């Protein structure tokens, strides 16, 4: 009778330790966008530009947006899990942009725990043993095609 109880407690402790990991990663924004296009997650109707990245002139600003998503990281590399989380955020941005009549999200920055991070071609992700998460914010806009 003692063994099942001890085994259960050991599993709970191990799970808590695994999720306690909060590794900060910087992942390539361009690679993430390419994966989204290759896998059909992003349909190309909305373009994405990091803050500081050149883009066509904004014809109309349509408001700000922010989103954060987490994904299951079990059995995935940190980078793979982080890309999935980022693509979930970008897909949400894509849908919101379409509703607003925007064809771009510009000035995209990481915003994990409401702390802005502007990387050179990268976005921030946090990976744990069970979950990986990405938070981004940006501005919806119509830009020249």
C-alpha atoms as a PDB file:
ATOM      1  CA  UNK A   1       0.000   0.000   0.000  1.00  0.00           C
ATOM      2  CA  UNK A   2       2.880   2.375   0.725  1.00  0.00           C
ATOM      3  CA  UNK A   3       4.526   1.946  -2.682  1.00  0.00           C
ATOM      4  CA  UNK A   4       1.650   3.434  -4.761  1.00  0.00           C
ATOM      5  CA  UNK A   5       1.456   6.445  -2.460  1.00  0.00           C
ATOM      6  CA  UNK A   6       5.227   7.025  -2.594  1.00  0.00           C
ATOM      7  CA  UNK A   7       5.275   6.561  -6.361  1.00  0.00           C
ATOM      8  CA  UNK A   8       2.449   9.064  -6.798  1.00  0.00           C
ATOM      9  CA  UNK A   9       4.207  11.616  -4.594  1.00  0.00           C
ATOM     10  CA  UNK A  10       7.445  11.138  -6.543  1.00  0.00           C
ATOM     11  CA  UNK A  11       5.625  11.751  -9.844  1.00  0.00           C
ATOM     12  CA  UNK A  12       3.983  14.895  -8.512  1.00  0.00           C
ATOM     13  CA  UNK A  13       7.330  16.209  -7.281  1.00  0.00           C
ATOM     14  CA  UNK A  14       9.006  15.423 -10.604  1.00  0.00           C
ATOM     15  CA  UNK A  15       6.248  17.172 -12.554  1.00  0.00           C
ATOM     16  CA  UNK A  16       6.563  20.265 -10.372  1.00  0.00           C
ATOM     17  CA  UNK A  17      10.300  20.333 -10.916  1.00  0.00           C
ATOM     18  CA  UNK A  18       9.936  19.863 -14.671  1.00  0.00           C
ATOM     19  CA  UNK A  19       7.502  22.744 -14.997  1.00  0.00           C
ATOM     20  CA  UNK A  20       9.566  24.956 -12.716  1.00  0.00           C
ATOM     21  CA  UNK A  21      12.116  25.298 -15.530  1.00  0.00           C
ATOM     22  CA  UNK A  22      11.642  28.645 -17.247  1.00  0.00           C
ATOM     23  CA  UNK A  23      14.346  28.787 -19.894  1.00  0.00           C
ATOM     24  CA  UNK A  24      14.498  31.999 -21.918  1.00  0.00           C
ATOM     25  CA  UNK A  25      15.078  31.444 -25.631  1.00  0.00           C
ATOM     26  CA  UNK A  26      15.350  33.762 -28.585  1.00  0.00           C
ATOM     27  CA  UNK A  27      13.919  32.201 -31.743  1.00  0.00           C
ATOM     28  CA  UNK A  28      14.192  33.412 -35.319  1.00  0.00           C
ATOM     29  CA  UNK A  29      11.149  35.405 -36.372  1.00  0.00           C
ATOM     30  CA  UNK A  30      11.811  34.760 -40.072  1.00  0.00           C
ATOM     31  CA  UNK A  31      12.141  31.000 -39.534  1.00  0.00           C
ATOM     32  CA  UNK A  32       8.915  30.976 -37.526  1.00  0.00           C
ATOM     33  CA  UNK A  33       7.066  32.892 -40.264  1.00  0.00           C
ATOM     34  CA  UNK A  34       8.441  30.514 -42.899  1.00  0.00           C
ATOM     35  CA  UNK A  35       7.312  27.484 -40.896  1.00  0.00           C
ATOM     36  CA  UNK A  36       3.870  29.045 -40.526  1.00  0.00           C
ATOM     37  CA  UNK A  37       3.627  29.539 -44.287  1.00  0.00           C
ATOM     38  CA  UNK A  38       5.007  26.073 -45.089  1.00  0.00           C
ATOM     39  CA  UNK A  39       2.573  24.363 -42.728  1.00  0.00           C
ATOM     40  CA  UNK A  40      -0.453  26.453 -43.736  1.00  0.00           C
ATOM     41  CA  UNK A  41      -0.866  28.082 -40.331  1.00  0.00           C
ATOM     42  CA  UNK A  42      -0.315  31.522 -41.871  1.00  0.00           C
ATOM     43  CA  UNK A  43      -2.114  32.091 -45.161  1.00  0.00           C
ATOM     44  CA  UNK A  44      -0.090  35.059 -46.472  1.00  0.00           C
ATOM     45  CA  UNK A  45      -2.987  37.525 -46.290  1.00  0.00           C
ATOM     46  CA  UNK A  46      -1.308  39.350 -43.390  1.00  0.00           C
ATOM     47  CA  UNK A  47       2.378  40.273 -43.254  1.00  0.00           C
ATOM     48  CA  UNK A  48       4.346  40.597 -40.017  1.00  0.00           C
ATOM     49  CA  UNK A  49       7.195  42.988 -39.239  1.00  0.00           C
ATOM     50  CA  UNK A  50       9.285  43.248 -36.088  1.00  0.00           C
ATOM     51  CA  UNK A  51       9.804  46.657 -34.510  1.00  0.00           C
ATOM     52  CA  UNK A  52      12.677  48.353 -36.316  1.00  0.00           C
ATOM     53  CA  UNK A  53      12.259  46.164 -39.392  1.00  0.00           C
ATOM     54  CA  UNK A  54      11.620  48.023 -42.612  1.00  0.00           C
ATOM     55  CA  UNK A  55       8.191  47.666 -44.160  1.00  0.00           C
ATOM     56  CA  UNK A  56       6.081  49.394 -46.806  1.00  0.00           C
ATOM     57  CA  UNK A  57       4.467  52.662 -45.773  1.00  0.00           C
ATOM     58  CA  UNK A  58       1.512  52.391 -43.406  1.00  0.00           C
ATOM     59  CA  UNK A  59      -1.589  53.662 -45.180  1.00  0.00           C
ATOM     60  CA  UNK A  60      -3.898  53.255 -42.203  1.00  0.00           C
ATOM     61  CA  UNK A  61      -3.240  52.406 -38.537  1.00  0.00           C
ATOM     62  CA  UNK A  62      -5.965  50.149 -37.159  1.00  0.00           C
ATOM     63  CA  UNK A  63      -5.086  49.777 -33.486  1.00  0.00           C
ATOM     64  CA  UNK A  64      -2.845  47.763 -31.237  1.00  0.00           C
ATOM     65  CA  UNK A  65      -3.011  44.101 -30.407  1.00  0.00           C
ATOM     66  CA  UNK A  66      -1.452  41.762 -27.883  1.00  0.00           C
ATOM     67  CA  UNK A  67      -1.656  38.027 -27.447  1.00  0.00           C
ATOM     68  CA  UNK A  68       0.075  35.299 -25.519  1.00  0.00           C
ATOM     69  CA  UNK A  69      -0.158  31.570 -26.007  1.00  0.00           C
ATOM     70  CA  UNK A  70       1.296  28.484 -24.412  1.00  0.00           C
ATOM     71  CA  UNK A  71       1.717  25.083 -25.975  1.00  0.00           C
ATOM     72  CA  UNK A  72       2.487  21.594 -24.773  1.00  0.00           C
ATOM     73  CA  UNK A  73       6.257  21.110 -24.756  1.00  0.00           C
ATOM     74  CA  UNK A  74       6.311  17.452 -23.780  1.00  0.00           C
ATOM     75  CA  UNK A  75       8.427  15.467 -26.213  1.00  0.00           C
ATOM     76  CA  UNK A  76       9.354  18.567 -28.256  1.00  0.00           C
ATOM     77  CA  UNK A  77      12.590  20.481 -28.419  1.00  0.00           C
ATOM     78  CA  UNK A  78      12.406  23.908 -26.801  1.00  0.00           C
ATOM     79  CA  UNK A  79      12.737  25.593 -30.202  1.00  0.00           C
ATOM     80  CA  UNK A  80       9.987  23.475 -31.752  1.00  0.00           C
ATOM     81  CA  UNK A  81       7.615  24.139 -28.849  1.00  0.00           C
ATOM     82  CA  UNK A  82       8.470  27.851 -28.929  1.00  0.00           C
ATOM     83  CA  UNK A  83       7.751  28.073 -32.654  1.00  0.00           C
ATOM     84  CA  UNK A  84       4.356  26.418 -32.116  1.00  0.00           C
ATOM     85  CA  UNK A  85       3.499  28.880 -29.352  1.00  0.00           C
ATOM     86  CA  UNK A  86       4.634  31.799 -31.540  1.00  0.00           C
ATOM     87  CA  UNK A  87       2.588  30.529 -34.485  1.00  0.00           C
ATOM     88  CA  UNK A  88      -0.481  30.363 -32.257  1.00  0.00           C
ATOM     89  CA  UNK A  89       0.007  34.043 -31.409  1.00  0.00           C
ATOM     90  CA  UNK A  90       0.632  34.983 -35.043  1.00  0.00           C
ATOM     91  CA  UNK A  91      -2.452  33.063 -36.177  1.00  0.00           C
ATOM     92  CA  UNK A  92      -4.527  34.992 -33.613  1.00  0.00           C
ATOM     93  CA  UNK A  93      -3.019  38.241 -34.940  1.00  0.00           C
ATOM     94  CA  UNK A  94      -3.807  37.152 -38.512  1.00  0.00           C
ATOM     95  CA  UNK A  95      -7.466  36.530 -37.673  1.00  0.00           C
ATOM     96  CA  UNK A  96      -7.809  39.803 -35.766  1.00  0.00           C
ATOM     97  CA  UNK A  97      -6.104  41.712 -38.587  1.00  0.00           C
ATOM     98  CA  UNK A  98      -8.563  40.293 -41.109  1.00  0.00           C
ATOM     99  CA  UNK A  99     -11.491  41.347 -38.916  1.00  0.00           C
ATOM    100  CA  UNK A 100     -10.086  44.881 -38.769  1.00  0.00           C
ATOM    101  CA  UNK A 101      -9.366  45.039 -42.493  1.00  0.00           C
ATOM    102  CA  UNK A 102      -5.592  45.105 -41.934  1.00  0.00           C
ATOM    103  CA  UNK A 103      -3.056  43.383 -44.148  1.00  0.00           C
ATOM    104  CA  UNK A 104      -0.114  43.716 -41.752  1.00  0.00           C
ATOM    105  CA  UNK A 105       0.966  43.680 -38.139  1.00  0.00           C
ATOM    106  CA  UNK A 106       3.898  46.060 -37.691  1.00  0.00           C
ATOM    107  CA  UNK A 107       6.178  46.958 -34.791  1.00  0.00           C
ATOM    108  CA  UNK A 108       5.903  43.455 -33.332  1.00  0.00           C
ATOM    109  CA  UNK A 109       7.764  43.049 -30.021  1.00  0.00           C
ATOM    110  CA  UNK A 110       7.942  40.308 -27.427  1.00  0.00           C
ATOM    111  CA  UNK A 111       6.031  41.145 -24.286  1.00  0.00           C
ATOM    112  CA  UNK A 112       6.495  38.194 -21.915  1.00  0.00           C
ATOM    113  CA  UNK A 113       5.213  39.071 -18.431  1.00  0.00           C
ATOM    114  CA  UNK A 114       4.637  42.584 -19.811  1.00  0.00           C
ATOM    115  CA  UNK A 115       8.365  43.163 -20.262  1.00  0.00           C
ATOM    116  CA  UNK A 116       9.168  44.341 -23.777  1.00  0.00           C
ATOM    117  CA  UNK A 117      11.984  42.673 -25.662  1.00  0.00           C
ATOM    118  CA  UNK A 118      13.163  43.906 -29.063  1.00  0.00           C
ATOM    119  CA  UNK A 119      15.613  41.504 -30.596  1.00  0.00           C
ATOM    120  CA  UNK A 120      17.474  41.664 -33.862  1.00  0.00           C
ATOM    121  CA  UNK A 121      15.353  39.288 -35.930  1.00  0.00           C
ATOM    122  CA  UNK A 122      14.299  37.236 -32.914  1.00  0.00           C
ATOM    123  CA  UNK A 123      11.404  36.955 -30.492  1.00  0.00           C
ATOM    124  CA  UNK A 124      11.448  35.759 -26.901  1.00  0.00           C
ATOM    125  CA  UNK A 125      10.016  32.491 -25.640  1.00  0.00           C
ATOM    126  CA  UNK A 126       9.975  30.810 -22.248  1.00  0.00           C
ATOM    127  CA  UNK A 127      10.195  27.019 -22.174  1.00  0.00           C
ATOM    128  CA  UNK A 128       9.542  24.663 -19.291  1.00  0.00           C
ATOM    129  CA  UNK A 129       9.346  20.920 -18.968  1.00  0.00           C
ATOM    130  CA  UNK A 130       5.634  20.848 -19.783  1.00  0.00           C
ATOM    131  CA  UNK A 131       4.814  24.135 -21.519  1.00  0.00           C
ATOM    132  CA  UNK A 132       6.362  26.804 -23.734  1.00  0.00           C
ATOM    133  CA  UNK A 133       4.958  30.316 -24.015  1.00  0.00           C
ATOM    134  CA  UNK A 134       5.217  33.360 -26.247  1.00  0.00           C
ATOM    135  CA  UNK A 135       3.701  36.818 -25.770  1.00  0.00           C
ATOM    136  CA  UNK A 136       3.753  39.418 -28.533  1.00  0.00           C
ATOM    137  CA  UNK A 137       2.237  42.805 -29.205  1.00  0.00           C
ATOM    138  CA  UNK A 138       2.042  44.824 -32.389  1.00  0.00           C
ATOM    139  CA  UNK A 139       0.051  47.324 -34.421  1.00  0.00           C
ATOM    140  CA  UNK A 140      -2.553  46.405 -37.038  1.00  0.00           C
ATOM    141  CA  UNK A 141      -2.183  48.342 -40.255  1.00  0.00           C
ATOM    142  CA  UNK A 142      -2.872  48.456 -43.939  1.00  0.00           C
ATOM    143  CA  UNK A 143       0.327  48.779 -45.913  1.00  0.00           C
ATOM    144  CA  UNK A 144       1.121  49.098 -49.580  1.00  0.00           C
ATOM    145  CA  UNK A 145       1.300  45.705 -51.294  1.00  0.00           C
END
